[in-house]
Amino acid sequence: MKKNMGEEVEFLNYIYKNAEMGVIGINDVITKASNEKFEKLLNTEKKEYQNICKEAEDILKKYGKNTEEIGLMAKMSSKMMSEMEMMKDNSDQTIAKMMMEGTNKGIIEITEKINAYDNNDVEITVLAQKLKATLEKNIEDLKKYL
């Protein structure tokens, strides 16, 4: 395998966790969506994130590694923050805004990681770019619900 395998494994785990956080965030709010089209959009985004998770998992297996799951504290924090926001206002607009805020954070972080990565494995770079493009598309799709 590659001499700097640690960087690849770390980057793949980051990609996995970023996409997994999207799944978690959607799961935290999807039952509150009142518009059928909005709920369908969230389900579509969730599937996209799940596909990216699967791709990261598959590449990690090539390196002989498994994914690192998001910690329980991060999951609980996400759920608590969502619930607190939803107690104030559980409209589709609020859900879209929350999702956009998390997605923007994801775009910033994946862009930083892509810029810092040495492109040792083209497959990883392509997956990272796919995640970034997915996040950017999701922002555009969510804007309709603000």
N, C-alpha and C. Protein backbone atom coordinates (compact mmCIF):
# COMPACT_ATOMS: atom_id res chain seq x y z
N MET A 1 0.85 -1.18 0.00
CA MET A 1 0.00 0.00 0.00
C MET A 1 0.89 1.25 0.00
N LYS A 2 0.33 2.37 0.13
CA LYS A 2 1.06 3.64 0.05
C LYS A 2 1.87 3.88 1.32
N LYS A 3 2.94 4.66 1.15
CA LYS A 3 3.82 4.93 2.29
C LYS A 3 3.17 5.85 3.32
N ASN A 4 2.28 6.75 2.88
CA ASN A 4 1.64 7.69 3.79
C ASN A 4 0.17 7.30 4.01
N MET A 5 -0.03 6.02 4.27
CA MET A 5 -1.37 5.48 4.40
C MET A 5 -2.18 6.17 5.49
N GLY A 6 -1.54 6.66 6.52
CA GLY A 6 -2.23 7.32 7.62
C GLY A 6 -3.03 8.52 7.17
N GLU A 7 -2.47 9.31 6.27
CA GLU A 7 -3.18 10.49 5.76
C GLU A 7 -4.43 10.07 4.99
N GLU A 8 -4.30 9.01 4.19
CA GLU A 8 -5.44 8.54 3.40
C GLU A 8 -6.55 8.05 4.32
N VAL A 9 -6.19 7.24 5.30
CA VAL A 9 -7.17 6.68 6.24
C VAL A 9 -7.85 7.81 7.02
N GLU A 10 -7.07 8.78 7.47
CA GLU A 10 -7.62 9.91 8.21
C GLU A 10 -8.60 10.71 7.35
N PHE A 11 -8.22 10.97 6.09
CA PHE A 11 -9.07 11.74 5.19
C PHE A 11 -10.36 10.97 4.87
N LEU A 12 -10.24 9.67 4.62
CA LEU A 12 -11.42 8.85 4.36
C LEU A 12 -12.37 8.83 5.55
N ASN A 13 -11.82 8.73 6.74
CA ASN A 13 -12.66 8.76 7.93
C ASN A 13 -13.33 10.12 8.09
N TYR A 14 -12.63 11.19 7.72
CA TYR A 14 -13.25 12.51 7.78
C TYR A 14 -14.42 12.58 6.80
N ILE A 15 -14.21 12.10 5.57
CA ILE A 15 -15.27 12.11 4.56
C ILE A 15 -16.47 11.32 5.08
N TYR A 16 -16.19 10.15 5.63
CA TYR A 16 -17.24 9.29 6.17
C TYR A 16 -18.02 10.02 7.27
N LYS A 17 -17.31 10.61 8.20
CA LYS A 17 -17.96 11.28 9.33
C LYS A 17 -18.76 12.50 8.87
N ASN A 18 -18.25 13.24 7.90
CA ASN A 18 -18.95 14.41 7.39
C ASN A 18 -20.29 13.97 6.78
N ALA A 19 -20.26 12.94 5.95
CA ALA A 19 -21.48 12.44 5.32
C ALA A 19 -22.41 11.82 6.37
N GLU A 20 -21.84 11.09 7.33
CA GLU A 20 -22.65 10.49 8.38
C GLU A 20 -23.35 11.57 9.20
N MET A 21 -22.68 12.68 9.43
CA MET A 21 -23.29 13.79 10.17
C MET A 21 -24.50 14.33 9.41
N GLY A 22 -24.41 14.34 8.07
CA GLY A 22 -25.56 14.73 7.26
C GLY A 22 -26.74 13.80 7.48
N VAL A 23 -26.47 12.50 7.51
CA VAL A 23 -27.53 11.51 7.76
C VAL A 23 -28.14 11.73 9.13
N ILE A 24 -27.29 11.92 10.13
CA ILE A 24 -27.77 12.13 11.50
C ILE A 24 -28.62 13.39 11.58
N GLY A 25 -28.13 14.47 10.99
CA GLY A 25 -28.87 15.73 11.01
C GLY A 25 -30.24 15.60 10.38
N ILE A 26 -30.30 14.91 9.25
CA ILE A 26 -31.58 14.72 8.58
C ILE A 26 -32.49 13.85 9.43
N ASN A 27 -31.96 12.79 9.99
CA ASN A 27 -32.78 11.92 10.85
C ASN A 27 -33.35 12.68 12.03
N ASP A 28 -32.60 13.68 12.52
CA ASP A 28 -33.05 14.46 13.67
C ASP A 28 -34.26 15.35 13.35
N VAL A 29 -34.46 15.71 12.06
CA VAL A 29 -35.50 16.68 11.73
C VAL A 29 -36.55 16.20 10.75
N ILE A 30 -36.30 15.12 10.05
CA ILE A 30 -37.18 14.75 8.94
C ILE A 30 -38.62 14.50 9.35
N THR A 31 -38.84 14.00 10.53
CA THR A 31 -40.21 13.73 10.97
C THR A 31 -41.00 15.01 11.21
N LYS A 32 -40.31 16.13 11.31
CA LYS A 32 -40.97 17.42 11.55
C LYS A 32 -41.34 18.14 10.25
N ALA A 33 -40.83 17.66 9.12
CA ALA A 33 -41.12 18.31 7.83
C ALA A 33 -42.61 18.22 7.54
N SER A 34 -43.21 19.34 7.17
CA SER A 34 -44.65 19.35 6.92
C SER A 34 -44.97 19.30 5.42
N ASN A 35 -44.03 19.70 4.58
CA ASN A 35 -44.22 19.71 3.15
C ASN A 35 -43.70 18.40 2.55
N GLU A 36 -44.54 17.73 1.78
CA GLU A 36 -44.17 16.43 1.21
C GLU A 36 -42.94 16.53 0.30
N LYS A 37 -42.86 17.59 -0.50
CA LYS A 37 -41.70 17.78 -1.39
C LYS A 37 -40.42 18.00 -0.58
N PHE A 38 -40.55 18.72 0.51
CA PHE A 38 -39.39 18.97 1.38
C PHE A 38 -38.92 17.68 2.02
N GLU A 39 -39.86 16.88 2.49
CA GLU A 39 -39.51 15.59 3.09
C GLU A 39 -38.83 14.69 2.05
N LYS A 40 -39.33 14.72 0.83
CA LYS A 40 -38.72 13.92 -0.25
C LYS A 40 -37.30 14.40 -0.52
N LEU A 41 -37.10 15.72 -0.52
CA LEU A 41 -35.76 16.28 -0.72
C LEU A 41 -34.81 15.80 0.38
N LEU A 42 -35.27 15.86 1.62
CA LEU A 42 -34.42 15.42 2.73
C LEU A 42 -34.07 13.94 2.60
N ASN A 43 -35.02 13.13 2.18
CA ASN A 43 -34.74 11.71 1.97
C ASN A 43 -33.73 11.49 0.85
N THR A 44 -33.83 12.29 -0.20
CA THR A 44 -32.88 12.20 -1.31
C THR A 44 -31.48 12.58 -0.83
N GLU A 45 -31.39 13.66 -0.07
CA GLU A 45 -30.09 14.09 0.47
C GLU A 45 -29.52 13.01 1.40
N LYS A 46 -30.36 12.43 2.20
CA LYS A 46 -29.93 11.37 3.12
C LYS A 46 -29.33 10.20 2.33
N LYS A 47 -29.98 9.80 1.26
CA LYS A 47 -29.47 8.70 0.42
C LYS A 47 -28.11 9.07 -0.19
N GLU A 48 -27.96 10.32 -0.61
CA GLU A 48 -26.68 10.77 -1.17
C GLU A 48 -25.57 10.65 -0.12
N TYR A 49 -25.86 11.09 1.08
CA TYR A 49 -24.88 10.99 2.16
C TYR A 49 -24.56 9.52 2.48
N GLN A 50 -25.59 8.68 2.49
CA GLN A 50 -25.37 7.26 2.75
C GLN A 50 -24.49 6.62 1.67
N ASN A 51 -24.70 7.02 0.42
CA ASN A 51 -23.86 6.51 -0.68
C ASN A 51 -22.40 6.92 -0.51
N ILE A 52 -22.18 8.16 -0.09
CA ILE A 52 -20.81 8.63 0.15
C ILE A 52 -20.18 7.86 1.31
N CYS A 53 -20.97 7.62 2.36
CA CYS A 53 -20.47 6.81 3.48
C CYS A 53 -20.04 5.44 2.98
N LYS A 54 -20.86 4.82 2.16
CA LYS A 54 -20.56 3.48 1.63
C LYS A 54 -19.29 3.51 0.78
N GLU A 55 -19.15 4.52 -0.06
CA GLU A 55 -17.94 4.63 -0.89
C GLU A 55 -16.69 4.79 -0.03
N ALA A 56 -16.78 5.62 1.00
CA ALA A 56 -15.63 5.82 1.91
C ALA A 56 -15.31 4.51 2.61
N GLU A 57 -16.34 3.81 3.03
CA GLU A 57 -16.16 2.52 3.71
C GLU A 57 -15.47 1.52 2.78
N ASP A 58 -15.91 1.49 1.52
CA ASP A 58 -15.31 0.56 0.55
C ASP A 58 -13.84 0.87 0.31
N ILE A 59 -13.50 2.13 0.19
CA ILE A 59 -12.10 2.51 -0.04
C ILE A 59 -11.27 2.19 1.21
N LEU A 60 -11.82 2.46 2.38
CA LEU A 60 -11.11 2.13 3.63
C LEU A 60 -10.79 0.65 3.70
N LYS A 61 -11.71 -0.19 3.24
CA LYS A 61 -11.47 -1.63 3.24
C LYS A 61 -10.26 -1.99 2.38
N LYS A 62 -10.06 -1.25 1.28
CA LYS A 62 -8.88 -1.47 0.43
C LYS A 62 -7.59 -1.21 1.21
N TYR A 63 -7.68 -0.32 2.18
CA TYR A 63 -6.54 0.00 3.04
C TYR A 63 -6.48 -0.92 4.26
N GLY A 64 -7.42 -1.85 4.34
CA GLY A 64 -7.46 -2.78 5.47
C GLY A 64 -7.96 -2.14 6.75
N LYS A 65 -8.75 -1.08 6.62
CA LYS A 65 -9.24 -0.33 7.79
C LYS A 65 -10.76 -0.29 7.79
N ASN A 66 -11.30 -0.01 8.95
CA ASN A 66 -12.74 0.18 9.11
C ASN A 66 -13.03 1.65 9.38
N THR A 67 -14.29 2.03 9.21
CA THR A 67 -14.68 3.42 9.48
C THR A 67 -14.66 3.70 10.97
N GLU A 68 -14.43 4.95 11.29
CA GLU A 68 -14.55 5.42 12.67
C GLU A 68 -15.91 6.11 12.77
N GLU A 69 -16.73 5.63 13.66
CA GLU A 69 -18.07 6.21 13.83
C GLU A 69 -17.97 7.56 14.54
N ILE A 70 -18.99 8.37 14.33
CA ILE A 70 -19.10 9.63 15.06
C ILE A 70 -19.37 9.30 16.51
N GLY A 71 -18.76 10.02 17.41
CA GLY A 71 -18.91 9.76 18.83
C GLY A 71 -20.32 10.01 19.33
N LEU A 72 -20.66 9.33 20.39
CA LEU A 72 -21.99 9.45 20.99
C LEU A 72 -22.28 10.90 21.41
N MET A 73 -21.28 11.59 21.93
CA MET A 73 -21.49 12.99 22.36
C MET A 73 -21.86 13.88 21.19
N ALA A 74 -21.21 13.70 20.05
CA ALA A 74 -21.52 14.51 18.87
C ALA A 74 -22.93 14.22 18.39
N LYS A 75 -23.32 12.95 18.41
CA LYS A 75 -24.67 12.57 18.00
C LYS A 75 -25.71 13.18 18.94
N MET A 76 -25.45 13.08 20.23
CA MET A 76 -26.39 13.62 21.21
C MET A 76 -26.47 15.13 21.12
N SER A 77 -25.34 15.77 20.91
CA SER A 77 -25.30 17.23 20.78
C SER A 77 -26.12 17.68 19.58
N SER A 78 -25.98 16.99 18.46
CA SER A 78 -26.74 17.31 17.26
C SER A 78 -28.23 17.19 17.53
N LYS A 79 -28.62 16.11 18.15
CA LYS A 79 -30.03 15.87 18.44
C LYS A 79 -30.59 16.93 19.39
N MET A 80 -29.83 17.26 20.43
CA MET A 80 -30.29 18.25 21.40
C MET A 80 -30.43 19.63 20.76
N MET A 81 -29.44 20.01 19.94
CA MET A 81 -29.50 21.31 19.27
C MET A 81 -30.72 21.37 18.35
N SER A 82 -30.95 20.29 17.60
CA SER A 82 -32.11 20.25 16.71
C SER A 82 -33.41 20.37 17.49
N GLU A 83 -33.50 19.63 18.57
CA GLU A 83 -34.72 19.67 19.37
C GLU A 83 -34.96 21.03 19.98
N MET A 84 -33.90 21.70 20.43
CA MET A 84 -34.04 23.04 21.01
C MET A 84 -34.55 24.03 19.96
N GLU A 85 -33.97 23.97 18.76
CA GLU A 85 -34.41 24.85 17.68
C GLU A 85 -35.86 24.57 17.30
N MET A 86 -36.21 23.30 17.26
CA MET A 86 -37.56 22.91 16.84
C MET A 86 -38.60 23.28 17.89
N MET A 87 -38.19 23.40 19.15
CA MET A 87 -39.13 23.81 20.19
C MET A 87 -39.54 25.26 19.96
N LYS A 88 -38.61 26.07 19.46
CA LYS A 88 -38.91 27.48 19.18
C LYS A 88 -39.79 27.62 17.95
N ASP A 89 -39.44 26.84 16.91
CA ASP A 89 -40.14 26.95 15.63
C ASP A 89 -39.83 25.69 14.82
N ASN A 90 -40.86 24.90 14.56
CA ASN A 90 -40.59 23.66 13.83
C ASN A 90 -41.07 23.71 12.38
N SER A 91 -41.01 24.90 11.80
CA SER A 91 -41.43 25.06 10.41
C SER A 91 -40.38 24.48 9.46
N ASP A 92 -40.81 24.23 8.24
CA ASP A 92 -39.88 23.76 7.22
C ASP A 92 -38.77 24.78 6.99
N GLN A 93 -39.10 26.05 7.12
CA GLN A 93 -38.11 27.12 6.96
C GLN A 93 -37.01 26.98 8.01
N THR A 94 -37.37 26.71 9.24
CA THR A 94 -36.38 26.53 10.31
C THR A 94 -35.53 25.30 10.04
N ILE A 95 -36.18 24.22 9.62
CA ILE A 95 -35.43 22.99 9.31
C ILE A 95 -34.44 23.26 8.18
N ALA A 96 -34.89 23.94 7.12
CA ALA A 96 -34.00 24.24 5.99
C ALA A 96 -32.82 25.10 6.45
N LYS A 97 -33.09 26.08 7.29
CA LYS A 97 -32.03 26.95 7.79
C LYS A 97 -31.01 26.16 8.61
N MET A 98 -31.50 25.29 9.49
CA MET A 98 -30.59 24.47 10.31
C MET A 98 -29.75 23.56 9.42
N MET A 99 -30.39 22.94 8.44
CA MET A 99 -29.67 22.04 7.54
C MET A 99 -28.61 22.81 6.74
N MET A 100 -28.96 24.02 6.31
CA MET A 100 -28.02 24.83 5.54
C MET A 100 -26.82 25.24 6.40
N GLU A 101 -27.06 25.56 7.65
CA GLU A 101 -25.96 25.94 8.54
C GLU A 101 -24.98 24.79 8.71
N GLY A 102 -25.49 23.59 8.94
CA GLY A 102 -24.64 22.42 9.07
C GLY A 102 -23.92 22.09 7.77
N THR A 103 -24.64 22.24 6.67
CA THR A 103 -24.06 21.94 5.36
C THR A 103 -22.96 22.95 5.02
N ASN A 104 -23.18 24.22 5.33
CA ASN A 104 -22.13 25.24 5.09
C ASN A 104 -20.87 24.91 5.87
N LYS A 105 -21.05 24.49 7.11
CA LYS A 105 -19.90 24.08 7.93
C LYS A 105 -19.17 22.92 7.25
N GLY A 106 -19.93 21.97 6.73
CA GLY A 106 -19.35 20.83 6.03
C GLY A 106 -18.57 21.24 4.79
N ILE A 107 -19.10 22.22 4.04
CA ILE A 107 -18.42 22.71 2.84
C ILE A 107 -17.09 23.35 3.21
N ILE A 108 -17.10 24.17 4.23
CA ILE A 108 -15.85 24.83 4.67
C ILE A 108 -14.82 23.79 5.07
N GLU A 109 -15.25 22.82 5.88
CA GLU A 109 -14.31 21.82 6.38
C GLU A 109 -13.77 20.92 5.26
N ILE A 110 -14.63 20.46 4.35
CA ILE A 110 -14.15 19.57 3.29
C ILE A 110 -13.24 20.34 2.33
N THR A 111 -13.52 21.61 2.12
CA THR A 111 -12.65 22.42 1.25
C THR A 111 -11.26 22.56 1.86
N GLU A 112 -11.21 22.81 3.16
CA GLU A 112 -9.91 22.88 3.85
C GLU A 112 -9.16 21.56 3.73
N LYS A 113 -9.87 20.45 3.92
CA LYS A 113 -9.22 19.13 3.85
C LYS A 113 -8.72 18.84 2.44
N ILE A 114 -9.53 19.17 1.44
CA ILE A 114 -9.12 18.96 0.04
C ILE A 114 -7.86 19.76 -0.27
N ASN A 115 -7.85 21.01 0.17
CA ASN A 115 -6.69 21.88 -0.09
C ASN A 115 -5.43 21.38 0.61
N ALA A 116 -5.58 20.74 1.75
CA ALA A 116 -4.43 20.25 2.51
C ALA A 116 -3.97 18.87 2.08
N TYR A 117 -4.81 18.16 1.33
CA TYR A 117 -4.51 16.78 0.96
C TYR A 117 -3.51 16.75 -0.20
N ASP A 118 -2.57 15.79 -0.13
CA ASP A 118 -1.50 15.69 -1.13
C ASP A 118 -1.90 14.93 -2.39
N ASN A 119 -3.17 14.56 -2.50
CA ASN A 119 -3.65 13.83 -3.68
C ASN A 119 -2.89 12.53 -3.93
N ASN A 120 -2.53 11.85 -2.87
CA ASN A 120 -1.82 10.58 -3.02
C ASN A 120 -2.69 9.51 -3.64
N ASP A 121 -3.99 9.57 -3.40
CA ASP A 121 -4.92 8.57 -3.92
C ASP A 121 -6.03 9.32 -4.64
N VAL A 122 -6.05 9.19 -5.97
CA VAL A 122 -7.03 9.91 -6.79
C VAL A 122 -8.45 9.52 -6.42
N GLU A 123 -8.67 8.27 -6.06
CA GLU A 123 -10.00 7.81 -5.70
C GLU A 123 -10.55 8.57 -4.48
N ILE A 124 -9.67 8.87 -3.55
CA ILE A 124 -10.07 9.63 -2.36
C ILE A 124 -10.37 11.08 -2.74
N THR A 125 -9.54 11.66 -3.58
CA THR A 125 -9.76 13.03 -4.04
C THR A 125 -11.10 13.14 -4.76
N VAL A 126 -11.39 12.18 -5.61
CA VAL A 126 -12.66 12.19 -6.35
C VAL A 126 -13.84 12.10 -5.37
N LEU A 127 -13.74 11.23 -4.37
CA LEU A 127 -14.81 11.11 -3.38
C LEU A 127 -14.97 12.40 -2.58
N ALA A 128 -13.87 13.02 -2.21
CA ALA A 128 -13.94 14.28 -1.46
C ALA A 128 -14.61 15.36 -2.31
N GLN A 129 -14.26 15.42 -3.59
CA GLN A 129 -14.89 16.39 -4.49
C GLN A 129 -16.38 16.08 -4.67
N LYS A 130 -16.73 14.80 -4.69
CA LYS A 130 -18.13 14.40 -4.79
C LYS A 130 -18.90 14.86 -3.56
N LEU A 131 -18.31 14.69 -2.38
CA LEU A 131 -18.95 15.16 -1.15
C LEU A 131 -19.14 16.67 -1.21
N LYS A 132 -18.12 17.38 -1.60
CA LYS A 132 -18.22 18.85 -1.68
C LYS A 132 -19.31 19.27 -2.65
N ALA A 133 -19.36 18.65 -3.82
CA ALA A 133 -20.39 18.97 -4.82
C ALA A 133 -21.78 18.64 -4.29
N THR A 134 -21.91 17.54 -3.57
CA THR A 134 -23.19 17.16 -2.98
C THR A 134 -23.63 18.19 -1.96
N LEU A 135 -22.72 18.61 -1.11
CA LEU A 135 -23.03 19.63 -0.10
C LEU A 135 -23.47 20.93 -0.77
N GLU A 136 -22.75 21.34 -1.79
CA GLU A 136 -23.08 22.60 -2.49
C GLU A 136 -24.45 22.50 -3.17
N LYS A 137 -24.75 21.35 -3.78
CA LYS A 137 -26.05 21.15 -4.42
C LYS A 137 -27.15 21.18 -3.36
N ASN A 138 -26.90 20.56 -2.22
CA ASN A 138 -27.90 20.52 -1.16
C ASN A 138 -28.23 21.92 -0.66
N ILE A 139 -27.23 22.78 -0.57
CA ILE A 139 -27.48 24.17 -0.16
C ILE A 139 -28.44 24.82 -1.14
N GLU A 140 -28.18 24.66 -2.42
CA GLU A 140 -29.05 25.26 -3.44
C GLU A 140 -30.47 24.72 -3.34
N ASP A 141 -30.61 23.42 -3.12
CA ASP A 141 -31.94 22.81 -3.01
C ASP A 141 -32.68 23.28 -1.77
N LEU A 142 -31.96 23.47 -0.67
CA LEU A 142 -32.58 23.89 0.58
C LEU A 142 -33.03 25.35 0.55
N LYS A 143 -32.39 26.18 -0.26
CA LYS A 143 -32.72 27.61 -0.34
C LYS A 143 -34.19 27.82 -0.68
N LYS A 144 -34.76 26.90 -1.42
CA LYS A 144 -36.17 27.02 -1.85
C LYS A 144 -37.13 27.00 -0.66
N TYR A 145 -36.65 26.51 0.46
CA TYR A 145 -37.54 26.34 1.62
C TYR A 145 -37.31 27.41 2.69
N LEU A 146 -36.48 28.37 2.41
CA LEU A 146 -36.27 29.47 3.37
C LEU A 146 -37.43 30.46 3.33
